[in-house]
Amino acid sequence: MLNRVKAFFLALIVAALAGSGALAQDSSYNYGTVWEFSFIKTEPGQFENYMDWLNATWKKEQDVMKKDGFLVSYHVWAVNNPRNGEADLVLALEYKDYAPTAKRLELQKKIEAALQQDAHKMESASGDRTKLRKQMGSTEAQELTFK
């Protein structure tokens, strides 16, 4: 009976260690930066106007996060030869890491101050930009770098 109890507790310890990563196999990669890609389809005749908005307001938002050290880089990519209904721009943000909610809220306040707008005005302005573009969705990925 004592051997069964010892075996049971040994199995619990092994399971706990495996779950904590203490017994995990060493991987051939490390986790890198986190990327967010937003897919944008500009409305007919609005490409230049949307690019103007990106260069003024959107860029200012990204610069706030970059100055804070949270954002590593940001990019605007034109999609060459998009198929019918596909995005013609990709907005790419490279974050240092995933951010907890408190950090995101702190950054939101800094962005609002830089733009001199509160969350309500920013949301309304986003709705106004539907004349310029259609948001086609977004995705997030984390880079894996080989050791």
N, C-alpha and C. Protein backbone atom coordinates (compact mmCIF):
# COMPACT_ATOMS: atom_id res chain seq x y z
N MET A 1 0.82 -1.18 0.00
CA MET A 1 0.00 0.00 0.00
C MET A 1 0.87 1.25 0.00
N LEU A 2 1.93 1.29 0.79
CA LEU A 2 2.82 2.43 0.87
C LEU A 2 3.48 2.70 -0.47
N ASN A 3 3.84 1.66 -1.21
CA ASN A 3 4.45 1.84 -2.53
C ASN A 3 3.48 2.48 -3.52
N ARG A 4 2.18 2.12 -3.43
CA ARG A 4 1.18 2.73 -4.30
C ARG A 4 1.04 4.22 -3.99
N VAL A 5 1.05 4.58 -2.71
CA VAL A 5 0.94 5.99 -2.32
C VAL A 5 2.15 6.75 -2.82
N LYS A 6 3.36 6.17 -2.63
CA LYS A 6 4.57 6.82 -3.13
C LYS A 6 4.52 6.98 -4.64
N ALA A 7 4.08 5.97 -5.34
CA ALA A 7 3.99 6.03 -6.80
C ALA A 7 2.99 7.09 -7.23
N PHE A 8 1.87 7.19 -6.50
CA PHE A 8 0.86 8.19 -6.83
C PHE A 8 1.43 9.60 -6.68
N PHE A 9 2.10 9.85 -5.54
CA PHE A 9 2.66 11.18 -5.31
C PHE A 9 3.82 11.48 -6.27
N LEU A 10 4.60 10.48 -6.61
CA LEU A 10 5.67 10.67 -7.58
C LEU A 10 5.09 11.05 -8.94
N ALA A 11 3.98 10.40 -9.31
CA ALA A 11 3.31 10.72 -10.58
C ALA A 11 2.78 12.15 -10.55
N LEU A 12 2.24 12.59 -9.41
CA LEU A 12 1.77 13.97 -9.29
C LEU A 12 2.91 14.97 -9.43
N ILE A 13 4.05 14.68 -8.83
CA ILE A 13 5.21 15.56 -8.91
C ILE A 13 5.71 15.64 -10.35
N VAL A 14 5.81 14.50 -11.02
CA VAL A 14 6.27 14.48 -12.41
C VAL A 14 5.31 15.28 -13.29
N ALA A 15 4.00 15.11 -13.08
CA ALA A 15 3.01 15.85 -13.86
C ALA A 15 3.12 17.35 -13.60
N ALA A 16 3.34 17.72 -12.35
CA ALA A 16 3.47 19.15 -12.02
C ALA A 16 4.72 19.74 -12.66
N LEU A 17 5.82 19.01 -12.60
CA LEU A 17 7.06 19.49 -13.21
C LEU A 17 6.92 19.60 -14.72
N ALA A 18 6.27 18.63 -15.33
CA ALA A 18 6.09 18.67 -16.79
C ALA A 18 5.21 19.86 -17.18
N GLY A 19 4.17 20.12 -16.40
CA GLY A 19 3.29 21.25 -16.67
C GLY A 19 3.97 22.59 -16.47
N SER A 20 4.95 22.64 -15.58
CA SER A 20 5.64 23.91 -15.32
C SER A 20 6.75 24.16 -16.32
N GLY A 21 7.05 23.19 -17.15
CA GLY A 21 8.12 23.36 -18.13
C GLY A 21 9.47 22.87 -17.62
N ALA A 22 9.53 22.44 -16.37
CA ALA A 22 10.80 21.99 -15.81
C ALA A 22 11.34 20.76 -16.53
N LEU A 23 10.46 19.94 -17.07
CA LEU A 23 10.89 18.75 -17.78
C LEU A 23 10.70 18.89 -19.29
N ALA A 24 10.35 20.08 -19.73
CA ALA A 24 10.07 20.29 -21.16
C ALA A 24 11.33 20.15 -21.98
N GLN A 25 11.15 19.67 -23.19
CA GLN A 25 12.27 19.53 -24.12
C GLN A 25 12.74 20.92 -24.54
N ASP A 26 14.04 21.10 -24.66
CA ASP A 26 14.60 22.37 -25.10
C ASP A 26 14.25 22.57 -26.57
N SER A 27 13.62 23.71 -26.88
CA SER A 27 13.20 23.99 -28.24
C SER A 27 14.34 24.57 -29.06
N SER A 28 14.18 24.52 -30.36
CA SER A 28 15.19 25.06 -31.28
C SER A 28 14.88 26.51 -31.64
N TYR A 29 13.95 27.14 -30.92
CA TYR A 29 13.57 28.51 -31.23
C TYR A 29 13.29 29.31 -29.95
N ASN A 30 13.26 30.62 -30.12
CA ASN A 30 12.87 31.55 -29.06
C ASN A 30 11.67 32.34 -29.56
N TYR A 31 10.88 32.85 -28.63
CA TYR A 31 9.78 33.73 -29.00
C TYR A 31 10.32 35.12 -29.27
N GLY A 32 9.86 35.72 -30.36
CA GLY A 32 10.31 37.05 -30.75
C GLY A 32 9.22 38.09 -30.57
N THR A 33 9.25 39.08 -31.43
CA THR A 33 8.29 40.17 -31.34
C THR A 33 6.90 39.72 -31.81
N VAL A 34 5.91 40.52 -31.44
CA VAL A 34 4.52 40.25 -31.79
C VAL A 34 4.12 41.22 -32.90
N TRP A 35 3.51 40.69 -33.95
CA TRP A 35 3.10 41.49 -35.11
C TRP A 35 1.59 41.52 -35.22
N GLU A 36 1.07 42.68 -35.55
CA GLU A 36 -0.35 42.85 -35.84
C GLU A 36 -0.46 43.38 -37.27
N PHE A 37 -1.25 42.70 -38.09
CA PHE A 37 -1.45 43.09 -39.48
C PHE A 37 -2.91 43.47 -39.67
N SER A 38 -3.16 44.69 -40.15
CA SER A 38 -4.52 45.14 -40.46
C SER A 38 -4.64 45.27 -41.97
N PHE A 39 -5.71 44.72 -42.51
CA PHE A 39 -5.92 44.71 -43.95
C PHE A 39 -6.96 45.77 -44.31
N ILE A 40 -6.56 46.70 -45.18
CA ILE A 40 -7.38 47.86 -45.52
C ILE A 40 -7.64 47.90 -47.02
N LYS A 41 -8.89 48.14 -47.37
CA LYS A 41 -9.25 48.35 -48.78
C LYS A 41 -9.69 49.81 -48.89
N THR A 42 -8.92 50.60 -49.62
CA THR A 42 -9.31 52.00 -49.78
C THR A 42 -10.48 52.09 -50.76
N GLU A 43 -11.34 53.04 -50.49
CA GLU A 43 -12.50 53.26 -51.36
C GLU A 43 -12.02 53.91 -52.66
N PRO A 44 -12.75 53.70 -53.75
CA PRO A 44 -12.34 54.29 -55.03
C PRO A 44 -12.12 55.81 -54.92
N GLY A 45 -10.98 56.25 -55.41
CA GLY A 45 -10.65 57.66 -55.40
C GLY A 45 -10.19 58.21 -54.06
N GLN A 46 -10.01 57.34 -53.05
CA GLN A 46 -9.66 57.82 -51.71
C GLN A 46 -8.28 57.39 -51.24
N PHE A 47 -7.50 56.73 -52.09
CA PHE A 47 -6.20 56.23 -51.68
C PHE A 47 -5.31 57.35 -51.14
N GLU A 48 -5.18 58.43 -51.90
CA GLU A 48 -4.30 59.54 -51.48
C GLU A 48 -4.80 60.18 -50.19
N ASN A 49 -6.11 60.35 -50.06
CA ASN A 49 -6.67 60.94 -48.84
C ASN A 49 -6.41 60.05 -47.63
N TYR A 50 -6.55 58.74 -47.81
CA TYR A 50 -6.28 57.82 -46.70
C TYR A 50 -4.80 57.82 -46.34
N MET A 51 -3.94 57.85 -47.34
CA MET A 51 -2.50 57.92 -47.06
C MET A 51 -2.16 59.20 -46.31
N ASP A 52 -2.82 60.31 -46.65
CA ASP A 52 -2.61 61.57 -45.92
C ASP A 52 -3.00 61.40 -44.46
N TRP A 53 -4.13 60.74 -44.20
CA TRP A 53 -4.55 60.51 -42.81
C TRP A 53 -3.55 59.62 -42.08
N LEU A 54 -3.08 58.56 -42.74
CA LEU A 54 -2.08 57.69 -42.12
C LEU A 54 -0.83 58.48 -41.76
N ASN A 55 -0.38 59.32 -42.67
CA ASN A 55 0.85 60.09 -42.47
C ASN A 55 0.71 61.12 -41.35
N ALA A 56 -0.49 61.60 -41.12
CA ALA A 56 -0.70 62.61 -40.08
C ALA A 56 -1.09 61.96 -38.75
N THR A 57 -2.29 61.47 -38.66
CA THR A 57 -2.85 60.99 -37.39
C THR A 57 -2.34 59.61 -36.99
N TRP A 58 -2.45 58.64 -37.88
CA TRP A 58 -2.06 57.26 -37.55
C TRP A 58 -0.59 57.20 -37.16
N LYS A 59 0.24 57.88 -37.92
CA LYS A 59 1.68 57.89 -37.64
C LYS A 59 1.95 58.48 -36.26
N LYS A 60 1.21 59.51 -35.89
CA LYS A 60 1.39 60.14 -34.58
C LYS A 60 1.09 59.14 -33.46
N GLU A 61 0.02 58.34 -33.64
CA GLU A 61 -0.32 57.32 -32.65
C GLU A 61 0.82 56.31 -32.49
N GLN A 62 1.35 55.86 -33.61
CA GLN A 62 2.42 54.86 -33.57
C GLN A 62 3.68 55.43 -32.94
N ASP A 63 3.97 56.70 -33.22
CA ASP A 63 5.16 57.34 -32.64
C ASP A 63 5.06 57.44 -31.12
N VAL A 64 3.85 57.64 -30.60
CA VAL A 64 3.65 57.66 -29.14
C VAL A 64 4.03 56.30 -28.55
N MET A 65 3.54 55.23 -29.18
CA MET A 65 3.85 53.88 -28.66
C MET A 65 5.32 53.53 -28.85
N LYS A 66 5.91 54.00 -29.93
CA LYS A 66 7.33 53.72 -30.18
C LYS A 66 8.20 54.46 -29.16
N LYS A 67 7.87 55.71 -28.89
CA LYS A 67 8.61 56.50 -27.89
C LYS A 67 8.52 55.85 -26.52
N ASP A 68 7.37 55.25 -26.22
CA ASP A 68 7.15 54.58 -24.95
C ASP A 68 7.94 53.27 -24.84
N GLY A 69 8.44 52.77 -25.97
CA GLY A 69 9.20 51.53 -25.96
C GLY A 69 8.35 50.29 -26.16
N PHE A 70 7.05 50.46 -26.31
CA PHE A 70 6.15 49.33 -26.49
C PHE A 70 6.14 48.84 -27.93
N LEU A 71 6.19 49.78 -28.87
CA LEU A 71 6.17 49.46 -30.29
C LEU A 71 7.60 49.49 -30.82
N VAL A 72 7.99 48.46 -31.55
CA VAL A 72 9.33 48.37 -32.13
C VAL A 72 9.37 49.11 -33.47
N SER A 73 8.37 48.83 -34.33
CA SER A 73 8.33 49.45 -35.65
C SER A 73 6.91 49.42 -36.19
N TYR A 74 6.69 50.22 -37.21
CA TYR A 74 5.41 50.20 -37.92
C TYR A 74 5.66 50.40 -39.40
N HIS A 75 4.78 49.82 -40.20
CA HIS A 75 4.96 49.81 -41.66
C HIS A 75 3.62 49.93 -42.35
N VAL A 76 3.63 50.53 -43.52
CA VAL A 76 2.47 50.55 -44.41
C VAL A 76 2.94 49.89 -45.70
N TRP A 77 2.26 48.80 -46.07
CA TRP A 77 2.63 48.07 -47.28
C TRP A 77 1.49 48.14 -48.28
N ALA A 78 1.82 48.47 -49.52
CA ALA A 78 0.85 48.41 -50.62
C ALA A 78 0.82 46.98 -51.14
N VAL A 79 -0.38 46.47 -51.38
CA VAL A 79 -0.53 45.12 -51.93
C VAL A 79 -0.48 45.25 -53.45
N ASN A 80 0.46 44.59 -54.05
CA ASN A 80 0.57 44.60 -55.50
C ASN A 80 -0.46 43.67 -56.09
N ASN A 81 -1.23 44.17 -57.01
CA ASN A 81 -2.23 43.38 -57.72
C ASN A 81 -3.23 42.67 -56.80
N PRO A 82 -3.94 43.42 -55.93
CA PRO A 82 -4.94 42.74 -55.10
C PRO A 82 -6.06 42.18 -55.98
N ARG A 83 -6.55 41.03 -55.61
CA ARG A 83 -7.68 40.44 -56.33
C ARG A 83 -8.95 41.18 -55.94
N ASN A 84 -9.99 41.00 -56.70
CA ASN A 84 -11.25 41.66 -56.46
C ASN A 84 -11.72 41.44 -55.01
N GLY A 85 -11.99 42.53 -54.31
CA GLY A 85 -12.48 42.45 -52.94
C GLY A 85 -11.40 42.34 -51.88
N GLU A 86 -10.14 42.26 -52.26
CA GLU A 86 -9.06 42.14 -51.28
C GLU A 86 -8.51 43.50 -50.88
N ALA A 87 -7.80 43.52 -49.79
CA ALA A 87 -7.16 44.74 -49.28
C ALA A 87 -6.09 45.23 -50.25
N ASP A 88 -5.92 46.55 -50.30
CA ASP A 88 -4.84 47.10 -51.11
C ASP A 88 -3.73 47.70 -50.25
N LEU A 89 -3.95 47.72 -48.92
CA LEU A 89 -2.93 48.16 -47.97
C LEU A 89 -2.87 47.20 -46.80
N VAL A 90 -1.68 47.04 -46.24
CA VAL A 90 -1.49 46.29 -45.00
C VAL A 90 -0.77 47.21 -44.04
N LEU A 91 -1.36 47.42 -42.87
CA LEU A 91 -0.72 48.18 -41.81
C LEU A 91 -0.10 47.17 -40.85
N ALA A 92 1.20 47.25 -40.64
CA ALA A 92 1.90 46.27 -39.81
C ALA A 92 2.52 46.96 -38.60
N LEU A 93 2.21 46.44 -37.43
CA LEU A 93 2.77 46.96 -36.18
C LEU A 93 3.58 45.85 -35.54
N GLU A 94 4.81 46.16 -35.16
CA GLU A 94 5.68 45.19 -34.49
C GLU A 94 5.83 45.62 -33.03
N TYR A 95 5.26 44.81 -32.13
CA TYR A 95 5.32 45.09 -30.69
C TYR A 95 6.47 44.33 -30.05
N LYS A 96 7.00 44.90 -29.00
CA LYS A 96 8.08 44.26 -28.24
C LYS A 96 7.59 42.92 -27.67
N ASP A 97 6.34 42.91 -27.18
CA ASP A 97 5.76 41.72 -26.57
C ASP A 97 4.26 41.96 -26.42
N TYR A 98 3.55 40.98 -25.95
CA TYR A 98 2.15 41.18 -25.62
C TYR A 98 2.08 42.12 -24.43
N ALA A 99 1.08 42.98 -24.41
CA ALA A 99 0.96 43.95 -23.32
C ALA A 99 -0.24 43.63 -22.44
N PRO A 100 -0.07 43.76 -21.14
CA PRO A 100 -1.22 43.58 -20.25
C PRO A 100 -2.20 44.75 -20.43
N THR A 101 -3.41 44.53 -20.00
CA THR A 101 -4.46 45.54 -20.16
C THR A 101 -4.06 46.88 -19.56
N ALA A 102 -3.43 46.89 -18.41
CA ALA A 102 -3.04 48.15 -17.76
C ALA A 102 -2.10 48.95 -18.66
N LYS A 103 -1.17 48.28 -19.32
CA LYS A 103 -0.24 48.96 -20.22
C LYS A 103 -0.97 49.52 -21.43
N ARG A 104 -1.92 48.75 -21.98
CA ARG A 104 -2.69 49.23 -23.13
C ARG A 104 -3.51 50.46 -22.76
N LEU A 105 -4.11 50.46 -21.57
CA LEU A 105 -4.89 51.62 -21.12
C LEU A 105 -4.00 52.84 -20.92
N GLU A 106 -2.82 52.62 -20.38
CA GLU A 106 -1.85 53.72 -20.19
C GLU A 106 -1.46 54.32 -21.55
N LEU A 107 -1.19 53.47 -22.52
CA LEU A 107 -0.84 53.96 -23.85
C LEU A 107 -2.00 54.67 -24.52
N GLN A 108 -3.23 54.17 -24.31
CA GLN A 108 -4.41 54.82 -24.88
C GLN A 108 -4.52 56.25 -24.37
N LYS A 109 -4.27 56.46 -23.09
CA LYS A 109 -4.33 57.81 -22.51
C LYS A 109 -3.26 58.71 -23.13
N LYS A 110 -2.07 58.18 -23.37
CA LYS A 110 -1.01 58.97 -23.99
C LYS A 110 -1.37 59.35 -25.43
N ILE A 111 -1.98 58.40 -26.15
CA ILE A 111 -2.38 58.68 -27.53
C ILE A 111 -3.49 59.73 -27.55
N GLU A 112 -4.46 59.60 -26.66
CA GLU A 112 -5.54 60.60 -26.58
C GLU A 112 -4.97 61.99 -26.31
N ALA A 113 -3.98 62.07 -25.43
CA ALA A 113 -3.36 63.36 -25.12
C ALA A 113 -2.62 63.91 -26.34
N ALA A 114 -1.88 63.05 -27.04
CA ALA A 114 -1.12 63.49 -28.21
C ALA A 114 -2.04 63.98 -29.33
N LEU A 115 -3.20 63.33 -29.49
CA LEU A 115 -4.14 63.70 -30.54
C LEU A 115 -5.16 64.73 -30.08
N GLN A 116 -5.14 65.02 -28.78
CA GLN A 116 -6.10 65.93 -28.17
C GLN A 116 -7.54 65.50 -28.45
N GLN A 117 -7.76 64.19 -28.28
CA GLN A 117 -9.09 63.59 -28.47
C GLN A 117 -9.32 62.55 -27.39
N ASP A 118 -10.57 62.40 -26.98
CA ASP A 118 -10.88 61.32 -26.05
C ASP A 118 -11.35 60.10 -26.85
N ALA A 119 -11.64 59.03 -26.15
CA ALA A 119 -12.02 57.77 -26.81
C ALA A 119 -13.28 57.93 -27.66
N HIS A 120 -14.22 58.75 -27.21
CA HIS A 120 -15.46 58.96 -27.97
C HIS A 120 -15.18 59.65 -29.31
N LYS A 121 -14.35 60.68 -29.29
CA LYS A 121 -14.01 61.40 -30.52
C LYS A 121 -13.21 60.51 -31.47
N MET A 122 -12.32 59.70 -30.90
CA MET A 122 -11.52 58.80 -31.74
C MET A 122 -12.40 57.75 -32.40
N GLU A 123 -13.37 57.24 -31.68
CA GLU A 123 -14.29 56.25 -32.24
C GLU A 123 -15.14 56.87 -33.34
N SER A 124 -15.62 58.07 -33.10
CA SER A 124 -16.42 58.77 -34.10
C SER A 124 -15.59 59.04 -35.36
N ALA A 125 -14.34 59.45 -35.17
CA ALA A 125 -13.45 59.72 -36.31
C ALA A 125 -13.19 58.45 -37.11
N SER A 126 -13.11 57.32 -36.44
CA SER A 126 -12.93 56.04 -37.13
C SER A 126 -14.13 55.76 -38.02
N GLY A 127 -15.31 56.03 -37.52
CA GLY A 127 -16.51 55.85 -38.32
C GLY A 127 -16.53 56.78 -39.53
N ASP A 128 -16.03 58.01 -39.34
CA ASP A 128 -15.97 58.97 -40.45
C ASP A 128 -15.04 58.50 -41.56
N ARG A 129 -14.03 57.72 -41.21
CA ARG A 129 -13.07 57.25 -42.21
C ARG A 129 -13.63 56.15 -43.12
N THR A 130 -14.85 55.71 -42.87
CA THR A 130 -15.44 54.71 -43.77
C THR A 130 -15.60 55.26 -45.18
N LYS A 131 -15.58 56.59 -45.32
CA LYS A 131 -15.62 57.21 -46.65
C LYS A 131 -14.30 56.95 -47.39
N LEU A 132 -13.23 56.72 -46.60
CA LEU A 132 -11.90 56.55 -47.18
C LEU A 132 -11.51 55.09 -47.35
N ARG A 133 -11.95 54.26 -46.42
CA ARG A 133 -11.46 52.88 -46.42
C ARG A 133 -12.45 51.92 -45.80
N LYS A 134 -12.21 50.65 -46.06
CA LYS A 134 -12.97 49.57 -45.44
C LYS A 134 -11.97 48.68 -44.72
N GLN A 135 -12.22 48.40 -43.45
CA GLN A 135 -11.35 47.50 -42.70
C GLN A 135 -11.74 46.08 -43.05
N MET A 136 -10.76 45.33 -43.55
CA MET A 136 -11.02 43.96 -44.02
C MET A 136 -10.70 42.91 -42.95
N GLY A 137 -10.21 43.35 -41.80
CA GLY A 137 -9.86 42.42 -40.74
C GLY A 137 -8.41 42.58 -40.33
N SER A 138 -8.03 41.81 -39.35
CA SER A 138 -6.65 41.85 -38.88
C SER A 138 -6.25 40.49 -38.33
N THR A 139 -4.96 40.33 -38.15
CA THR A 139 -4.44 39.09 -37.56
C THR A 139 -3.21 39.44 -36.74
N GLU A 140 -2.89 38.57 -35.83
CA GLU A 140 -1.74 38.78 -34.95
C GLU A 140 -0.88 37.52 -34.97
N ALA A 141 0.43 37.72 -34.95
CA ALA A 141 1.35 36.58 -34.98
C ALA A 141 2.58 36.92 -34.15
N GLN A 142 3.21 35.90 -33.61
CA GLN A 142 4.46 36.09 -32.86
C GLN A 142 5.59 35.43 -33.64
N GLU A 143 6.63 36.20 -33.82
CA GLU A 143 7.79 35.67 -34.55
C GLU A 143 8.49 34.61 -33.72
N LEU A 144 8.95 33.57 -34.39
CA LEU A 144 9.78 32.54 -33.76
C LEU A 144 11.16 32.63 -34.41
N THR A 145 12.17 32.83 -33.57
CA THR A 145 13.54 32.94 -34.09
C THR A 145 14.33 31.70 -33.70
N PHE A 146 15.09 31.18 -34.62
CA PHE A 146 15.87 29.97 -34.35
C PHE A 146 17.09 30.28 -33.50
N LYS A 147 17.41 29.35 -32.64
CA LYS A 147 18.57 29.51 -31.74
C LYS A 147 19.84 29.29 -32.53
